[in-house]
Amino acid sequence: LDPQSVLTTARLSVSEVFALIISVS
C-alpha cells in the first residue's frame, strides 16, 4: 500500500461523520 494514499483518501460514511460531529458538540 502506498502510504500517501492513506493520507489523501477519506472514506467516512454519513453516520461516522455524524458521530464525530455530535461527539464534539
PDBML (XML) file of the C-alpha atoms, coordinates in Angstrom:
<?xml version="1.0" encoding="UTF-8" ?>
<PDBx:datablock datablockName="MODEL"
   xmlns:PDBx="http://pdbml.pdb.org/schema/pdbx-v50.xsd"
   xmlns:xsi="http://www.w3.org/2001/XMLSchema-instance"
   xsi:schemaLocation="http://pdbml.pdb.org/schema/pdbx-v50.xsd pdbx-v50.xsd">
   <PDBx:atom_siteCategory>
      <PDBx:atom_site id="1">
         <PDBx:B_iso_or_equiv>0.00</PDBx:B_iso_or_equiv>
         <PDBx:Cartn_x>0.000</PDBx:Cartn_x>
         <PDBx:Cartn_y>0.000</PDBx:Cartn_y>
         <PDBx:Cartn_z>0.000</PDBx:Cartn_z>
         <PDBx:auth_asym_id>A</PDBx:auth_asym_id>
         <PDBx:auth_atom_id>CA</PDBx:auth_atom_id>
         <PDBx:auth_comp_id>LEU</PDBx:auth_comp_id>
         <PDBx:auth_seq_id>1</PDBx:auth_seq_id>
         <PDBx:group_PDB>ATOM</PDBx:group_PDB>
         <PDBx:label_alt_id xsi:nil="true" />
         <PDBx:label_asym_id>A</PDBx:label_asym_id>
         <PDBx:label_atom_id>CA</PDBx:label_atom_id>
         <PDBx:label_comp_id>LEU</PDBx:label_comp_id>
         <PDBx:label_entity_id>1</PDBx:label_entity_id>
         <PDBx:label_seq_id>1</PDBx:label_seq_id>
         <PDBx:occupancy>1.00</PDBx:occupancy>
         <PDBx:pdbx_PDB_model_num>1</PDBx:pdbx_PDB_model_num>
         <PDBx:type_symbol>C</PDBx:type_symbol>
      </PDBx:atom_site>
      <PDBx:atom_site id="2">
         <PDBx:B_iso_or_equiv>0.00</PDBx:B_iso_or_equiv>
         <PDBx:Cartn_x>1.345</PDBx:Cartn_x>
         <PDBx:Cartn_y>3.404</PDBx:Cartn_y>
         <PDBx:Cartn_z>-0.997</PDBx:Cartn_z>
         <PDBx:auth_asym_id>A</PDBx:auth_asym_id>
         <PDBx:auth_atom_id>CA</PDBx:auth_atom_id>
         <PDBx:auth_comp_id>ASP</PDBx:auth_comp_id>
         <PDBx:auth_seq_id>2</PDBx:auth_seq_id>
         <PDBx:group_PDB>ATOM</PDBx:group_PDB>
         <PDBx:label_alt_id xsi:nil="true" />
         <PDBx:label_asym_id>A</PDBx:label_asym_id>
         <PDBx:label_atom_id>CA</PDBx:label_atom_id>
         <PDBx:label_comp_id>ASP</PDBx:label_comp_id>
         <PDBx:label_entity_id>1</PDBx:label_entity_id>
         <PDBx:label_seq_id>2</PDBx:label_seq_id>
         <PDBx:occupancy>1.00</PDBx:occupancy>
         <PDBx:pdbx_PDB_model_num>1</PDBx:pdbx_PDB_model_num>
         <PDBx:type_symbol>C</PDBx:type_symbol>
      </PDBx:atom_site>
      <PDBx:atom_site id="3">
         <PDBx:B_iso_or_equiv>0.00</PDBx:B_iso_or_equiv>
         <PDBx:Cartn_x>1.278</PDBx:Cartn_x>
         <PDBx:Cartn_y>5.234</PDBx:Cartn_y>
         <PDBx:Cartn_z>2.377</PDBx:Cartn_z>
         <PDBx:auth_asym_id>A</PDBx:auth_asym_id>
         <PDBx:auth_atom_id>CA</PDBx:auth_atom_id>
         <PDBx:auth_comp_id>PRO</PDBx:auth_comp_id>
         <PDBx:auth_seq_id>3</PDBx:auth_seq_id>
         <PDBx:group_PDB>ATOM</PDBx:group_PDB>
         <PDBx:label_alt_id xsi:nil="true" />
         <PDBx:label_asym_id>A</PDBx:label_asym_id>
         <PDBx:label_atom_id>CA</PDBx:label_atom_id>
         <PDBx:label_comp_id>PRO</PDBx:label_comp_id>
         <PDBx:label_entity_id>1</PDBx:label_entity_id>
         <PDBx:label_seq_id>3</PDBx:label_seq_id>
         <PDBx:occupancy>1.00</PDBx:occupancy>
         <PDBx:pdbx_PDB_model_num>1</PDBx:pdbx_PDB_model_num>
         <PDBx:type_symbol>C</PDBx:type_symbol>
      </PDBx:atom_site>
      <PDBx:atom_site id="4">
         <PDBx:B_iso_or_equiv>0.00</PDBx:B_iso_or_equiv>
         <PDBx:Cartn_x>0.477</PDBx:Cartn_x>
         <PDBx:Cartn_y>8.560</PDBx:Cartn_y>
         <PDBx:Cartn_z>0.712</PDBx:Cartn_z>
         <PDBx:auth_asym_id>A</PDBx:auth_asym_id>
         <PDBx:auth_atom_id>CA</PDBx:auth_atom_id>
         <PDBx:auth_comp_id>GLN</PDBx:auth_comp_id>
         <PDBx:auth_seq_id>4</PDBx:auth_seq_id>
         <PDBx:group_PDB>ATOM</PDBx:group_PDB>
         <PDBx:label_alt_id xsi:nil="true" />
         <PDBx:label_asym_id>A</PDBx:label_asym_id>
         <PDBx:label_atom_id>CA</PDBx:label_atom_id>
         <PDBx:label_comp_id>GLN</PDBx:label_comp_id>
         <PDBx:label_entity_id>1</PDBx:label_entity_id>
         <PDBx:label_seq_id>4</PDBx:label_seq_id>
         <PDBx:occupancy>1.00</PDBx:occupancy>
         <PDBx:pdbx_PDB_model_num>1</PDBx:pdbx_PDB_model_num>
         <PDBx:type_symbol>C</PDBx:type_symbol>
      </PDBx:atom_site>
      <PDBx:atom_site id="5">
         <PDBx:B_iso_or_equiv>0.00</PDBx:B_iso_or_equiv>
         <PDBx:Cartn_x>-2.876</PDBx:Cartn_x>
         <PDBx:Cartn_y>7.237</PDBx:Cartn_y>
         <PDBx:Cartn_z>-0.498</PDBx:Cartn_z>
         <PDBx:auth_asym_id>A</PDBx:auth_asym_id>
         <PDBx:auth_atom_id>CA</PDBx:auth_atom_id>
         <PDBx:auth_comp_id>SER</PDBx:auth_comp_id>
         <PDBx:auth_seq_id>5</PDBx:auth_seq_id>
         <PDBx:group_PDB>ATOM</PDBx:group_PDB>
         <PDBx:label_alt_id xsi:nil="true" />
         <PDBx:label_asym_id>A</PDBx:label_asym_id>
         <PDBx:label_atom_id>CA</PDBx:label_atom_id>
         <PDBx:label_comp_id>SER</PDBx:label_comp_id>
         <PDBx:label_entity_id>1</PDBx:label_entity_id>
         <PDBx:label_seq_id>5</PDBx:label_seq_id>
         <PDBx:occupancy>1.00</PDBx:occupancy>
         <PDBx:pdbx_PDB_model_num>1</PDBx:pdbx_PDB_model_num>
         <PDBx:type_symbol>C</PDBx:type_symbol>
      </PDBx:atom_site>
      <PDBx:atom_site id="6">
         <PDBx:B_iso_or_equiv>0.00</PDBx:B_iso_or_equiv>
         <PDBx:Cartn_x>-3.900</PDBx:Cartn_x>
         <PDBx:Cartn_y>6.671</PDBx:Cartn_y>
         <PDBx:Cartn_z>3.126</PDBx:Cartn_z>
         <PDBx:auth_asym_id>A</PDBx:auth_asym_id>
         <PDBx:auth_atom_id>CA</PDBx:auth_atom_id>
         <PDBx:auth_comp_id>VAL</PDBx:auth_comp_id>
         <PDBx:auth_seq_id>6</PDBx:auth_seq_id>
         <PDBx:group_PDB>ATOM</PDBx:group_PDB>
         <PDBx:label_alt_id xsi:nil="true" />
         <PDBx:label_asym_id>A</PDBx:label_asym_id>
         <PDBx:label_atom_id>CA</PDBx:label_atom_id>
         <PDBx:label_comp_id>VAL</PDBx:label_comp_id>
         <PDBx:label_entity_id>1</PDBx:label_entity_id>
         <PDBx:label_seq_id>6</PDBx:label_seq_id>
         <PDBx:occupancy>1.00</PDBx:occupancy>
         <PDBx:pdbx_PDB_model_num>1</PDBx:pdbx_PDB_model_num>
         <PDBx:type_symbol>C</PDBx:type_symbol>
      </PDBx:atom_site>
      <PDBx:atom_site id="7">
         <PDBx:B_iso_or_equiv>0.00</PDBx:B_iso_or_equiv>
         <PDBx:Cartn_x>-3.282</PDBx:Cartn_x>
         <PDBx:Cartn_y>10.326</PDBx:Cartn_y>
         <PDBx:Cartn_z>3.887</PDBx:Cartn_z>
         <PDBx:auth_asym_id>A</PDBx:auth_asym_id>
         <PDBx:auth_atom_id>CA</PDBx:auth_atom_id>
         <PDBx:auth_comp_id>LEU</PDBx:auth_comp_id>
         <PDBx:auth_seq_id>7</PDBx:auth_seq_id>
         <PDBx:group_PDB>ATOM</PDBx:group_PDB>
         <PDBx:label_alt_id xsi:nil="true" />
         <PDBx:label_asym_id>A</PDBx:label_asym_id>
         <PDBx:label_atom_id>CA</PDBx:label_atom_id>
         <PDBx:label_comp_id>LEU</PDBx:label_comp_id>
         <PDBx:label_entity_id>1</PDBx:label_entity_id>
         <PDBx:label_seq_id>7</PDBx:label_seq_id>
         <PDBx:occupancy>1.00</PDBx:occupancy>
         <PDBx:pdbx_PDB_model_num>1</PDBx:pdbx_PDB_model_num>
         <PDBx:type_symbol>C</PDBx:type_symbol>
      </PDBx:atom_site>
      <PDBx:atom_site id="8">
         <PDBx:B_iso_or_equiv>0.00</PDBx:B_iso_or_equiv>
         <PDBx:Cartn_x>-5.254</PDBx:Cartn_x>
         <PDBx:Cartn_y>11.706</PDBx:Cartn_y>
         <PDBx:Cartn_z>0.959</PDBx:Cartn_z>
         <PDBx:auth_asym_id>A</PDBx:auth_asym_id>
         <PDBx:auth_atom_id>CA</PDBx:auth_atom_id>
         <PDBx:auth_comp_id>THR</PDBx:auth_comp_id>
         <PDBx:auth_seq_id>8</PDBx:auth_seq_id>
         <PDBx:group_PDB>ATOM</PDBx:group_PDB>
         <PDBx:label_alt_id xsi:nil="true" />
         <PDBx:label_asym_id>A</PDBx:label_asym_id>
         <PDBx:label_atom_id>CA</PDBx:label_atom_id>
         <PDBx:label_comp_id>THR</PDBx:label_comp_id>
         <PDBx:label_entity_id>1</PDBx:label_entity_id>
         <PDBx:label_seq_id>8</PDBx:label_seq_id>
         <PDBx:occupancy>1.00</PDBx:occupancy>
         <PDBx:pdbx_PDB_model_num>1</PDBx:pdbx_PDB_model_num>
         <PDBx:type_symbol>C</PDBx:type_symbol>
      </PDBx:atom_site>
      <PDBx:atom_site id="9">
         <PDBx:B_iso_or_equiv>0.00</PDBx:B_iso_or_equiv>
         <PDBx:Cartn_x>-8.280</PDBx:Cartn_x>
         <PDBx:Cartn_y>9.412</PDBx:Cartn_y>
         <PDBx:Cartn_z>0.902</PDBx:Cartn_z>
         <PDBx:auth_asym_id>A</PDBx:auth_asym_id>
         <PDBx:auth_atom_id>CA</PDBx:auth_atom_id>
         <PDBx:auth_comp_id>THR</PDBx:auth_comp_id>
         <PDBx:auth_seq_id>9</PDBx:auth_seq_id>
         <PDBx:group_PDB>ATOM</PDBx:group_PDB>
         <PDBx:label_alt_id xsi:nil="true" />
         <PDBx:label_asym_id>A</PDBx:label_asym_id>
         <PDBx:label_atom_id>CA</PDBx:label_atom_id>
         <PDBx:label_comp_id>THR</PDBx:label_comp_id>
         <PDBx:label_entity_id>1</PDBx:label_entity_id>
         <PDBx:label_seq_id>9</PDBx:label_seq_id>
         <PDBx:occupancy>1.00</PDBx:occupancy>
         <PDBx:pdbx_PDB_model_num>1</PDBx:pdbx_PDB_model_num>
         <PDBx:type_symbol>C</PDBx:type_symbol>
      </PDBx:atom_site>
      <PDBx:atom_site id="10">
         <PDBx:B_iso_or_equiv>0.00</PDBx:B_iso_or_equiv>
         <PDBx:Cartn_x>-11.154</PDBx:Cartn_x>
         <PDBx:Cartn_y>9.795</PDBx:Cartn_y>
         <PDBx:Cartn_z>3.364</PDBx:Cartn_z>
         <PDBx:auth_asym_id>A</PDBx:auth_asym_id>
         <PDBx:auth_atom_id>CA</PDBx:auth_atom_id>
         <PDBx:auth_comp_id>ALA</PDBx:auth_comp_id>
         <PDBx:auth_seq_id>10</PDBx:auth_seq_id>
         <PDBx:group_PDB>ATOM</PDBx:group_PDB>
         <PDBx:label_alt_id xsi:nil="true" />
         <PDBx:label_asym_id>A</PDBx:label_asym_id>
         <PDBx:label_atom_id>CA</PDBx:label_atom_id>
         <PDBx:label_comp_id>ALA</PDBx:label_comp_id>
         <PDBx:label_entity_id>1</PDBx:label_entity_id>
         <PDBx:label_seq_id>10</PDBx:label_seq_id>
         <PDBx:occupancy>1.00</PDBx:occupancy>
         <PDBx:pdbx_PDB_model_num>1</PDBx:pdbx_PDB_model_num>
         <PDBx:type_symbol>C</PDBx:type_symbol>
      </PDBx:atom_site>
      <PDBx:atom_site id="11">
         <PDBx:B_iso_or_equiv>0.00</PDBx:B_iso_or_equiv>
         <PDBx:Cartn_x>-13.894</PDBx:Cartn_x>
         <PDBx:Cartn_y>7.172</PDBx:Cartn_y>
         <PDBx:Cartn_z>3.277</PDBx:Cartn_z>
         <PDBx:auth_asym_id>A</PDBx:auth_asym_id>
         <PDBx:auth_atom_id>CA</PDBx:auth_atom_id>
         <PDBx:auth_comp_id>ARG</PDBx:auth_comp_id>
         <PDBx:auth_seq_id>11</PDBx:auth_seq_id>
         <PDBx:group_PDB>ATOM</PDBx:group_PDB>
         <PDBx:label_alt_id xsi:nil="true" />
         <PDBx:label_asym_id>A</PDBx:label_asym_id>
         <PDBx:label_atom_id>CA</PDBx:label_atom_id>
         <PDBx:label_comp_id>ARG</PDBx:label_comp_id>
         <PDBx:label_entity_id>1</PDBx:label_entity_id>
         <PDBx:label_seq_id>11</PDBx:label_seq_id>
         <PDBx:occupancy>1.00</PDBx:occupancy>
         <PDBx:pdbx_PDB_model_num>1</PDBx:pdbx_PDB_model_num>
         <PDBx:type_symbol>C</PDBx:type_symbol>
      </PDBx:atom_site>
      <PDBx:atom_site id="12">
         <PDBx:B_iso_or_equiv>0.00</PDBx:B_iso_or_equiv>
         <PDBx:Cartn_x>-16.256</PDBx:Cartn_x>
         <PDBx:Cartn_y>8.228</PDBx:Cartn_y>
         <PDBx:Cartn_z>6.020</PDBx:Cartn_z>
         <PDBx:auth_asym_id>A</PDBx:auth_asym_id>
         <PDBx:auth_atom_id>CA</PDBx:auth_atom_id>
         <PDBx:auth_comp_id>LEU</PDBx:auth_comp_id>
         <PDBx:auth_seq_id>12</PDBx:auth_seq_id>
         <PDBx:group_PDB>ATOM</PDBx:group_PDB>
         <PDBx:label_alt_id xsi:nil="true" />
         <PDBx:label_asym_id>A</PDBx:label_asym_id>
         <PDBx:label_atom_id>CA</PDBx:label_atom_id>
         <PDBx:label_comp_id>LEU</PDBx:label_comp_id>
         <PDBx:label_entity_id>1</PDBx:label_entity_id>
         <PDBx:label_seq_id>12</PDBx:label_seq_id>
         <PDBx:occupancy>1.00</PDBx:occupancy>
         <PDBx:pdbx_PDB_model_num>1</PDBx:pdbx_PDB_model_num>
         <PDBx:type_symbol>C</PDBx:type_symbol>
      </PDBx:atom_site>
      <PDBx:atom_site id="13">
         <PDBx:B_iso_or_equiv>0.00</PDBx:B_iso_or_equiv>
         <PDBx:Cartn_x>-19.929</PDBx:Cartn_x>
         <PDBx:Cartn_y>7.364</PDBx:Cartn_y>
         <PDBx:Cartn_z>5.956</PDBx:Cartn_z>
         <PDBx:auth_asym_id>A</PDBx:auth_asym_id>
         <PDBx:auth_atom_id>CA</PDBx:auth_atom_id>
         <PDBx:auth_comp_id>SER</PDBx:auth_comp_id>
         <PDBx:auth_seq_id>13</PDBx:auth_seq_id>
         <PDBx:group_PDB>ATOM</PDBx:group_PDB>
         <PDBx:label_alt_id xsi:nil="true" />
         <PDBx:label_asym_id>A</PDBx:label_asym_id>
         <PDBx:label_atom_id>CA</PDBx:label_atom_id>
         <PDBx:label_comp_id>SER</PDBx:label_comp_id>
         <PDBx:label_entity_id>1</PDBx:label_entity_id>
         <PDBx:label_seq_id>13</PDBx:label_seq_id>
         <PDBx:occupancy>1.00</PDBx:occupancy>
         <PDBx:pdbx_PDB_model_num>1</PDBx:pdbx_PDB_model_num>
         <PDBx:type_symbol>C</PDBx:type_symbol>
      </PDBx:atom_site>
      <PDBx:atom_site id="14">
         <PDBx:B_iso_or_equiv>0.00</PDBx:B_iso_or_equiv>
         <PDBx:Cartn_x>-22.639</PDBx:Cartn_x>
         <PDBx:Cartn_y>9.804</PDBx:Cartn_y>
         <PDBx:Cartn_z>6.961</PDBx:Cartn_z>
         <PDBx:auth_asym_id>A</PDBx:auth_asym_id>
         <PDBx:auth_atom_id>CA</PDBx:auth_atom_id>
         <PDBx:auth_comp_id>VAL</PDBx:auth_comp_id>
         <PDBx:auth_seq_id>14</PDBx:auth_seq_id>
         <PDBx:group_PDB>ATOM</PDBx:group_PDB>
         <PDBx:label_alt_id xsi:nil="true" />
         <PDBx:label_asym_id>A</PDBx:label_asym_id>
         <PDBx:label_atom_id>CA</PDBx:label_atom_id>
         <PDBx:label_comp_id>VAL</PDBx:label_comp_id>
         <PDBx:label_entity_id>1</PDBx:label_entity_id>
         <PDBx:label_seq_id>14</PDBx:label_seq_id>
         <PDBx:occupancy>1.00</PDBx:occupancy>
         <PDBx:pdbx_PDB_model_num>1</PDBx:pdbx_PDB_model_num>
         <PDBx:type_symbol>C</PDBx:type_symbol>
      </PDBx:atom_site>
      <PDBx:atom_site id="15">
         <PDBx:B_iso_or_equiv>0.00</PDBx:B_iso_or_equiv>
         <PDBx:Cartn_x>-23.101</PDBx:Cartn_x>
         <PDBx:Cartn_y>8.036</PDBx:Cartn_y>
         <PDBx:Cartn_z>10.300</PDBx:Cartn_z>
         <PDBx:auth_asym_id>A</PDBx:auth_asym_id>
         <PDBx:auth_atom_id>CA</PDBx:auth_atom_id>
         <PDBx:auth_comp_id>SER</PDBx:auth_comp_id>
         <PDBx:auth_seq_id>15</PDBx:auth_seq_id>
         <PDBx:group_PDB>ATOM</PDBx:group_PDB>
         <PDBx:label_alt_id xsi:nil="true" />
         <PDBx:label_asym_id>A</PDBx:label_asym_id>
         <PDBx:label_atom_id>CA</PDBx:label_atom_id>
         <PDBx:label_comp_id>SER</PDBx:label_comp_id>
         <PDBx:label_entity_id>1</PDBx:label_entity_id>
         <PDBx:label_seq_id>15</PDBx:label_seq_id>
         <PDBx:occupancy>1.00</PDBx:occupancy>
         <PDBx:pdbx_PDB_model_num>1</PDBx:pdbx_PDB_model_num>
         <PDBx:type_symbol>C</PDBx:type_symbol>
      </PDBx:atom_site>
      <PDBx:atom_site id="16">
         <PDBx:B_iso_or_equiv>0.00</PDBx:B_iso_or_equiv>
         <PDBx:Cartn_x>-19.350</PDBx:Cartn_x>
         <PDBx:Cartn_y>8.237</PDBx:Cartn_y>
         <PDBx:Cartn_z>11.013</PDBx:Cartn_z>
         <PDBx:auth_asym_id>A</PDBx:auth_asym_id>
         <PDBx:auth_atom_id>CA</PDBx:auth_atom_id>
         <PDBx:auth_comp_id>GLU</PDBx:auth_comp_id>
         <PDBx:auth_seq_id>16</PDBx:auth_seq_id>
         <PDBx:group_PDB>ATOM</PDBx:group_PDB>
         <PDBx:label_alt_id xsi:nil="true" />
         <PDBx:label_asym_id>A</PDBx:label_asym_id>
         <PDBx:label_atom_id>CA</PDBx:label_atom_id>
         <PDBx:label_comp_id>GLU</PDBx:label_comp_id>
         <PDBx:label_entity_id>1</PDBx:label_entity_id>
         <PDBx:label_seq_id>16</PDBx:label_seq_id>
         <PDBx:occupancy>1.00</PDBx:occupancy>
         <PDBx:pdbx_PDB_model_num>1</PDBx:pdbx_PDB_model_num>
         <PDBx:type_symbol>C</PDBx:type_symbol>
      </PDBx:atom_site>
      <PDBx:atom_site id="17">
         <PDBx:B_iso_or_equiv>0.00</PDBx:B_iso_or_equiv>
         <PDBx:Cartn_x>-19.249</PDBx:Cartn_x>
         <PDBx:Cartn_y>11.988</PDBx:Cartn_y>
         <PDBx:Cartn_z>10.290</PDBx:Cartn_z>
         <PDBx:auth_asym_id>A</PDBx:auth_asym_id>
         <PDBx:auth_atom_id>CA</PDBx:auth_atom_id>
         <PDBx:auth_comp_id>VAL</PDBx:auth_comp_id>
         <PDBx:auth_seq_id>17</PDBx:auth_seq_id>
         <PDBx:group_PDB>ATOM</PDBx:group_PDB>
         <PDBx:label_alt_id xsi:nil="true" />
         <PDBx:label_asym_id>A</PDBx:label_asym_id>
         <PDBx:label_atom_id>CA</PDBx:label_atom_id>
         <PDBx:label_comp_id>VAL</PDBx:label_comp_id>
         <PDBx:label_entity_id>1</PDBx:label_entity_id>
         <PDBx:label_seq_id>17</PDBx:label_seq_id>
         <PDBx:occupancy>1.00</PDBx:occupancy>
         <PDBx:pdbx_PDB_model_num>1</PDBx:pdbx_PDB_model_num>
         <PDBx:type_symbol>C</PDBx:type_symbol>
      </PDBx:atom_site>
      <PDBx:atom_site id="18">
         <PDBx:B_iso_or_equiv>0.00</PDBx:B_iso_or_equiv>
         <PDBx:Cartn_x>-22.474</PDBx:Cartn_x>
         <PDBx:Cartn_y>12.384</PDBx:Cartn_y>
         <PDBx:Cartn_z>12.288</PDBx:Cartn_z>
         <PDBx:auth_asym_id>A</PDBx:auth_asym_id>
         <PDBx:auth_atom_id>CA</PDBx:auth_atom_id>
         <PDBx:auth_comp_id>PHE</PDBx:auth_comp_id>
         <PDBx:auth_seq_id>18</PDBx:auth_seq_id>
         <PDBx:group_PDB>ATOM</PDBx:group_PDB>
         <PDBx:label_alt_id xsi:nil="true" />
         <PDBx:label_asym_id>A</PDBx:label_asym_id>
         <PDBx:label_atom_id>CA</PDBx:label_atom_id>
         <PDBx:label_comp_id>PHE</PDBx:label_comp_id>
         <PDBx:label_entity_id>1</PDBx:label_entity_id>
         <PDBx:label_seq_id>18</PDBx:label_seq_id>
         <PDBx:occupancy>1.00</PDBx:occupancy>
         <PDBx:pdbx_PDB_model_num>1</PDBx:pdbx_PDB_model_num>
         <PDBx:type_symbol>C</PDBx:type_symbol>
      </PDBx:atom_site>
      <PDBx:atom_site id="19">
         <PDBx:B_iso_or_equiv>0.00</PDBx:B_iso_or_equiv>
         <PDBx:Cartn_x>-20.897</PDBx:Cartn_x>
         <PDBx:Cartn_y>10.536</PDBx:Cartn_y>
         <PDBx:Cartn_z>15.222</PDBx:Cartn_z>
         <PDBx:auth_asym_id>A</PDBx:auth_asym_id>
         <PDBx:auth_atom_id>CA</PDBx:auth_atom_id>
         <PDBx:auth_comp_id>ALA</PDBx:auth_comp_id>
         <PDBx:auth_seq_id>19</PDBx:auth_seq_id>
         <PDBx:group_PDB>ATOM</PDBx:group_PDB>
         <PDBx:label_alt_id xsi:nil="true" />
         <PDBx:label_asym_id>A</PDBx:label_asym_id>
         <PDBx:label_atom_id>CA</PDBx:label_atom_id>
         <PDBx:label_comp_id>ALA</PDBx:label_comp_id>
         <PDBx:label_entity_id>1</PDBx:label_entity_id>
         <PDBx:label_seq_id>19</PDBx:label_seq_id>
         <PDBx:occupancy>1.00</PDBx:occupancy>
         <PDBx:pdbx_PDB_model_num>1</PDBx:pdbx_PDB_model_num>
         <PDBx:type_symbol>C</PDBx:type_symbol>
      </PDBx:atom_site>
      <PDBx:atom_site id="20">
         <PDBx:B_iso_or_equiv>0.00</PDBx:B_iso_or_equiv>
         <PDBx:Cartn_x>-17.862</PDBx:Cartn_x>
         <PDBx:Cartn_y>12.820</PDBx:Cartn_y>
         <PDBx:Cartn_z>15.135</PDBx:Cartn_z>
         <PDBx:auth_asym_id>A</PDBx:auth_asym_id>
         <PDBx:auth_atom_id>CA</PDBx:auth_atom_id>
         <PDBx:auth_comp_id>LEU</PDBx:auth_comp_id>
         <PDBx:auth_seq_id>20</PDBx:auth_seq_id>
         <PDBx:group_PDB>ATOM</PDBx:group_PDB>
         <PDBx:label_alt_id xsi:nil="true" />
         <PDBx:label_asym_id>A</PDBx:label_asym_id>
         <PDBx:label_atom_id>CA</PDBx:label_atom_id>
         <PDBx:label_comp_id>LEU</PDBx:label_comp_id>
         <PDBx:label_entity_id>1</PDBx:label_entity_id>
         <PDBx:label_seq_id>20</PDBx:label_seq_id>
         <PDBx:occupancy>1.00</PDBx:occupancy>
         <PDBx:pdbx_PDB_model_num>1</PDBx:pdbx_PDB_model_num>
         <PDBx:type_symbol>C</PDBx:type_symbol>
      </PDBx:atom_site>
      <PDBx:atom_site id="21">
         <PDBx:B_iso_or_equiv>0.00</PDBx:B_iso_or_equiv>
         <PDBx:Cartn_x>-19.968</PDBx:Cartn_x>
         <PDBx:Cartn_y>15.969</PDBx:Cartn_y>
         <PDBx:Cartn_z>14.972</PDBx:Cartn_z>
         <PDBx:auth_asym_id>A</PDBx:auth_asym_id>
         <PDBx:auth_atom_id>CA</PDBx:auth_atom_id>
         <PDBx:auth_comp_id>ILE</PDBx:auth_comp_id>
         <PDBx:auth_seq_id>21</PDBx:auth_seq_id>
         <PDBx:group_PDB>ATOM</PDBx:group_PDB>
         <PDBx:label_alt_id xsi:nil="true" />
         <PDBx:label_asym_id>A</PDBx:label_asym_id>
         <PDBx:label_atom_id>CA</PDBx:label_atom_id>
         <PDBx:label_comp_id>ILE</PDBx:label_comp_id>
         <PDBx:label_entity_id>1</PDBx:label_entity_id>
         <PDBx:label_seq_id>21</PDBx:label_seq_id>
         <PDBx:occupancy>1.00</PDBx:occupancy>
         <PDBx:pdbx_PDB_model_num>1</PDBx:pdbx_PDB_model_num>
         <PDBx:type_symbol>C</PDBx:type_symbol>
      </PDBx:atom_site>
      <PDBx:atom_site id="22">
         <PDBx:B_iso_or_equiv>0.00</PDBx:B_iso_or_equiv>
         <PDBx:Cartn_x>-22.292</PDBx:Cartn_x>
         <PDBx:Cartn_y>15.037</PDBx:Cartn_y>
         <PDBx:Cartn_z>17.811</PDBx:Cartn_z>
         <PDBx:auth_asym_id>A</PDBx:auth_asym_id>
         <PDBx:auth_atom_id>CA</PDBx:auth_atom_id>
         <PDBx:auth_comp_id>ILE</PDBx:auth_comp_id>
         <PDBx:auth_seq_id>22</PDBx:auth_seq_id>
         <PDBx:group_PDB>ATOM</PDBx:group_PDB>
         <PDBx:label_alt_id xsi:nil="true" />
         <PDBx:label_asym_id>A</PDBx:label_asym_id>
         <PDBx:label_atom_id>CA</PDBx:label_atom_id>
         <PDBx:label_comp_id>ILE</PDBx:label_comp_id>
         <PDBx:label_entity_id>1</PDBx:label_entity_id>
         <PDBx:label_seq_id>22</PDBx:label_seq_id>
         <PDBx:occupancy>1.00</PDBx:occupancy>
         <PDBx:pdbx_PDB_model_num>1</PDBx:pdbx_PDB_model_num>
         <PDBx:type_symbol>C</PDBx:type_symbol>
      </PDBx:atom_site>
      <PDBx:atom_site id="23">
         <PDBx:B_iso_or_equiv>0.00</PDBx:B_iso_or_equiv>
         <PDBx:Cartn_x>-19.368</PDBx:Cartn_x>
         <PDBx:Cartn_y>13.904</PDBx:Cartn_y>
         <PDBx:Cartn_z>19.973</PDBx:Cartn_z>
         <PDBx:auth_asym_id>A</PDBx:auth_asym_id>
         <PDBx:auth_atom_id>CA</PDBx:auth_atom_id>
         <PDBx:auth_comp_id>SER</PDBx:auth_comp_id>
         <PDBx:auth_seq_id>23</PDBx:auth_seq_id>
         <PDBx:group_PDB>ATOM</PDBx:group_PDB>
         <PDBx:label_alt_id xsi:nil="true" />
         <PDBx:label_asym_id>A</PDBx:label_asym_id>
         <PDBx:label_atom_id>CA</PDBx:label_atom_id>
         <PDBx:label_comp_id>SER</PDBx:label_comp_id>
         <PDBx:label_entity_id>1</PDBx:label_entity_id>
         <PDBx:label_seq_id>23</PDBx:label_seq_id>
         <PDBx:occupancy>1.00</PDBx:occupancy>
         <PDBx:pdbx_PDB_model_num>1</PDBx:pdbx_PDB_model_num>
         <PDBx:type_symbol>C</PDBx:type_symbol>
      </PDBx:atom_site>
      <PDBx:atom_site id="24">
         <PDBx:B_iso_or_equiv>0.00</PDBx:B_iso_or_equiv>
         <PDBx:Cartn_x>-17.587</PDBx:Cartn_x>
         <PDBx:Cartn_y>17.232</PDBx:Cartn_y>
         <PDBx:Cartn_z>19.503</PDBx:Cartn_z>
         <PDBx:auth_asym_id>A</PDBx:auth_asym_id>
         <PDBx:auth_atom_id>CA</PDBx:auth_atom_id>
         <PDBx:auth_comp_id>VAL</PDBx:auth_comp_id>
         <PDBx:auth_seq_id>24</PDBx:auth_seq_id>
         <PDBx:group_PDB>ATOM</PDBx:group_PDB>
         <PDBx:label_alt_id xsi:nil="true" />
         <PDBx:label_asym_id>A</PDBx:label_asym_id>
         <PDBx:label_atom_id>CA</PDBx:label_atom_id>
         <PDBx:label_comp_id>VAL</PDBx:label_comp_id>
         <PDBx:label_entity_id>1</PDBx:label_entity_id>
         <PDBx:label_seq_id>24</PDBx:label_seq_id>
         <PDBx:occupancy>1.00</PDBx:occupancy>
         <PDBx:pdbx_PDB_model_num>1</PDBx:pdbx_PDB_model_num>
         <PDBx:type_symbol>C</PDBx:type_symbol>
      </PDBx:atom_site>
      <PDBx:atom_site id="25">
         <PDBx:B_iso_or_equiv>0.00</PDBx:B_iso_or_equiv>
         <PDBx:Cartn_x>-20.833</PDBx:Cartn_x>
         <PDBx:Cartn_y>19.135</PDBx:Cartn_y>
         <PDBx:Cartn_z>20.064</PDBx:Cartn_z>
         <PDBx:auth_asym_id>A</PDBx:auth_asym_id>
         <PDBx:auth_atom_id>CA</PDBx:auth_atom_id>
         <PDBx:auth_comp_id>SER</PDBx:auth_comp_id>
         <PDBx:auth_seq_id>25</PDBx:auth_seq_id>
         <PDBx:group_PDB>ATOM</PDBx:group_PDB>
         <PDBx:label_alt_id xsi:nil="true" />
         <PDBx:label_asym_id>A</PDBx:label_asym_id>
         <PDBx:label_atom_id>CA</PDBx:label_atom_id>
         <PDBx:label_comp_id>SER</PDBx:label_comp_id>
         <PDBx:label_entity_id>1</PDBx:label_entity_id>
         <PDBx:label_seq_id>25</PDBx:label_seq_id>
         <PDBx:occupancy>1.00</PDBx:occupancy>
         <PDBx:pdbx_PDB_model_num>1</PDBx:pdbx_PDB_model_num>
         <PDBx:type_symbol>C</PDBx:type_symbol>
      </PDBx:atom_site>
   </PDBx:atom_siteCategory>
</PDBx:datablock>
